[in-house]
């Protein structure tokens, strides 16, 4: 019985740590408002995402998500608006310069 409880606790702990992070490959589309960003790419609001769903990853970072997955992995649903959008866009532009594409 103790093993089952310990296994359940460990499974929950691993799941809790599986926070979604924005994929840097989509840095060029962060903040452009053209709906060109792919799912898992970064966003500052819904207008960035092809899915029209920018979800807070619970750490203040926007991640484009399918609406059906907007509450998974600790994401907090569609409609996220990044209060630090200028800094997020600047960081994305720096990432684009670093990547060279």
Protein backbone atom coordinates (compact mmCIF):
# COMPACT_ATOMS: atom_id res chain seq x y z
CA UNK A 1 0.00 0.00 0.00
CA UNK A 2 2.82 2.38 0.81
CA UNK A 3 4.44 1.75 -2.58
CA UNK A 4 1.29 2.74 -4.40
CA UNK A 5 1.02 5.95 -2.40
CA UNK A 6 4.69 6.79 -2.95
CA UNK A 7 4.36 6.06 -6.67
CA UNK A 8 1.31 8.31 -6.90
CA UNK A 9 3.14 11.14 -5.12
CA UNK A 10 6.17 10.80 -7.41
CA UNK A 11 3.98 10.74 -10.52
CA UNK A 12 2.21 13.90 -9.37
CA UNK A 13 5.55 15.61 -8.64
CA UNK A 14 6.92 14.80 -12.10
CA UNK A 15 3.70 16.01 -13.75
CA UNK A 16 3.85 19.24 -11.77
CA UNK A 17 7.33 19.95 -13.06
CA UNK A 18 6.28 19.48 -16.69
CA UNK A 19 5.60 23.15 -17.34
CA UNK A 20 5.29 24.12 -20.96
CA UNK A 21 7.99 26.54 -22.12
CA UNK A 22 7.73 28.59 -25.33
CA UNK A 23 9.62 27.05 -28.25
CA UNK A 24 12.43 29.41 -29.34
CA UNK A 25 12.12 28.30 -32.96
CA UNK A 26 9.10 30.58 -33.28
CA UNK A 27 10.77 33.68 -31.87
CA UNK A 28 10.21 35.63 -35.11
CA UNK A 29 6.42 35.48 -34.64
CA UNK A 30 6.32 36.67 -31.02
CA UNK A 31 4.43 39.95 -30.78
CA UNK A 32 3.69 40.44 -34.48
CA UNK A 33 -0.09 39.96 -34.05
CA UNK A 34 -0.39 38.22 -37.43
CA UNK A 35 -1.67 34.85 -36.15
CA UNK A 36 1.41 33.11 -37.59
CA UNK A 37 2.73 31.48 -34.42
CA UNK A 38 2.54 27.69 -34.16
CA UNK A 39 1.34 25.75 -31.12
CA UNK A 40 4.07 25.73 -28.43
CA UNK A 41 5.56 28.95 -29.81
CA UNK A 42 5.77 32.05 -27.63
CA UNK A 43 3.12 34.77 -27.68
CA UNK A 44 2.17 38.02 -25.98
CA UNK A 45 -1.57 37.68 -26.73
CA UNK A 46 -4.09 35.61 -28.71
CA UNK A 47 -3.43 37.61 -31.93
CA UNK A 48 0.04 36.06 -32.25
CA UNK A 49 -1.24 32.49 -32.44
CA UNK A 50 -2.58 30.61 -35.44
CA UNK A 51 -4.86 28.86 -32.94
CA UNK A 52 -6.00 32.25 -31.54
CA UNK A 53 -5.09 30.95 -28.05
CA UNK A 54 -2.21 32.38 -26.03
CA UNK A 55 -2.10 30.63 -22.65
CA UNK A 56 -0.11 31.66 -19.56
CA UNK A 57 2.24 28.81 -18.66
CA UNK A 58 1.68 29.74 -14.97
CA UNK A 59 5.04 31.51 -14.86
CA UNK A 60 4.04 34.59 -16.82
CA UNK A 61 5.09 33.34 -20.25
CA UNK A 62 2.66 33.04 -23.13
CA UNK A 63 2.53 29.80 -25.11
CA UNK A 64 0.32 29.28 -28.17
CA UNK A 65 -1.98 26.36 -27.48
CA UNK A 66 -4.87 24.51 -28.96
CA UNK A 67 -7.98 25.56 -27.05
CA UNK A 68 -8.52 21.95 -25.96
CA UNK A 69 -5.05 21.90 -24.37
CA UNK A 70 -5.07 25.41 -22.90
CA UNK A 71 -5.53 24.11 -19.34
CA UNK A 72 -3.06 21.22 -19.51
CA UNK A 73 0.41 21.12 -17.93
CA UNK A 74 -0.39 23.98 -15.57
CA UNK A 75 -1.37 26.38 -18.39
CA UNK A 76 -4.06 28.83 -17.37
CA UNK A 77 -6.27 29.02 -20.45
CA UNK A 78 -6.56 31.19 -23.54
CA UNK A 79 -6.65 34.97 -23.41
CA UNK A 80 -3.26 35.63 -21.80
CA UNK A 81 -2.00 39.17 -22.31
CA UNK A 82 1.66 39.57 -21.37
CA UNK A 83 2.05 42.54 -19.01
CA UNK A 84 5.76 42.62 -19.93
CA UNK A 85 5.18 42.35 -23.68
CA UNK A 86 7.88 44.90 -24.61
CA UNK A 87 10.53 42.88 -22.75
CA UNK A 88 9.20 39.60 -24.18
CA UNK A 89 9.30 40.97 -27.73
CA UNK A 90 12.83 42.34 -27.19
CA UNK A 91 13.99 38.94 -25.91
CA UNK A 92 12.39 37.26 -28.94
CA UNK A 93 14.18 39.65 -31.32
CA UNK A 94 17.47 38.88 -29.56
CA UNK A 95 16.75 35.16 -30.01
CA UNK A 96 16.10 35.69 -33.73
CA UNK A 97 19.44 37.52 -34.07
CA UNK A 98 21.18 34.69 -32.20
CA UNK A 99 19.54 32.02 -34.38
CA UNK A 100 20.14 33.91 -37.61
CA UNK A 101 16.65 33.14 -38.97
